[in-house]
Amino acid sequence: MAELKWKEAIEKVLDEEKKSLHYATIAQLIAERGYRKNLGATPKDTVSANLTTDINENKEKSIFAKVERGNYILRKYLDDANLLLTVDEISNKPTSRGNNDATENIFKIINGFGIYWNRSLVHWKTAPDLLGIQQIGASEVNFKEQIGIYLLHDGRETIYVGQAIDQPLGQRLKAHTTDRLSGRWDRFSWFGFYPVNNEGKLHVEIKLKDLTVKSLGDILEAILIESIEPRQNRKQGNLFFGLEYLQQEAPEIKKRLKEQLIKELTDKL
């Protein structure tokens, strides 16, 4: 099957599901069903931008409708007009880079995160790469220059919380491989301030919207929920849906393991 354009792929998924879906779920289904092979680094953001642009440009003639924050449906499947967010409700949300759920994230504090990444999957060179993907099939993003908050874990126990501000995340974590904490952690989590563009680069010139006590509370709650994972409270944090990145193994480690396997096989000959 020929690769579909983003709008066509979005429409096909929503038509098959016949219900409202979050833009992150739509992006995952597009990849799983093979409607697009070239996903870029931020397919979830691309889906969100396509949906909102179509609604803003075509208004009531758009084939898409927004029913709640981040959730969309084909207009022909709307069965309750009260569920529909109007064009004005969408357009009046103040952002300076377009009105869509994904670009709104740029004006929040946390714009990406990774949970319980494995220390052994990182090649700890002088400037270690921290590789992640937004979803299966997406392009890799290197978070070594990310800034934000990080946690070190020993199994399921959090043993240290730190800031990567004056030094980026890669340097801060590298330092913990040789300091007093070096033997005490095997996993790490991070919550980054820089968003990622569709080319897989960090957007370092961020602007932060006005923060309220409630939004700060939401951020702290979400970090705690995502990092500590209380069993009875396993919702994804209020502000973080669609922002998680999945760790990818460093290519140097893949190469080393392959060489080790070849050596073991040849030694048996």
Foldseek 3Di string as FASTA:
>chain_A
DDADDLVVQLVVVQVVVLDKDFLLVSQQVSVVVVNHLACFQANSVVSQQVQLVQCLVCFPNRQKFDQDARIIHGPVSDDDPVSTDHSCNQVVPDDDPDGTNLRVLLQAQFQAKEEFAFPVLWDLDQQIWWWWGLHPSYDIATQSQFWFKKFFDQVLHTDDIDTQDVHGPRNVVSVCCPDPNNPPGGTMMGTGRFHADRNRYTDPPTHHDDDDPVSVVLVVVQVCCRHNVDPVPNDRGPSCPSRYIGTDGDVVVVVVVVVVVVVVVVVVD
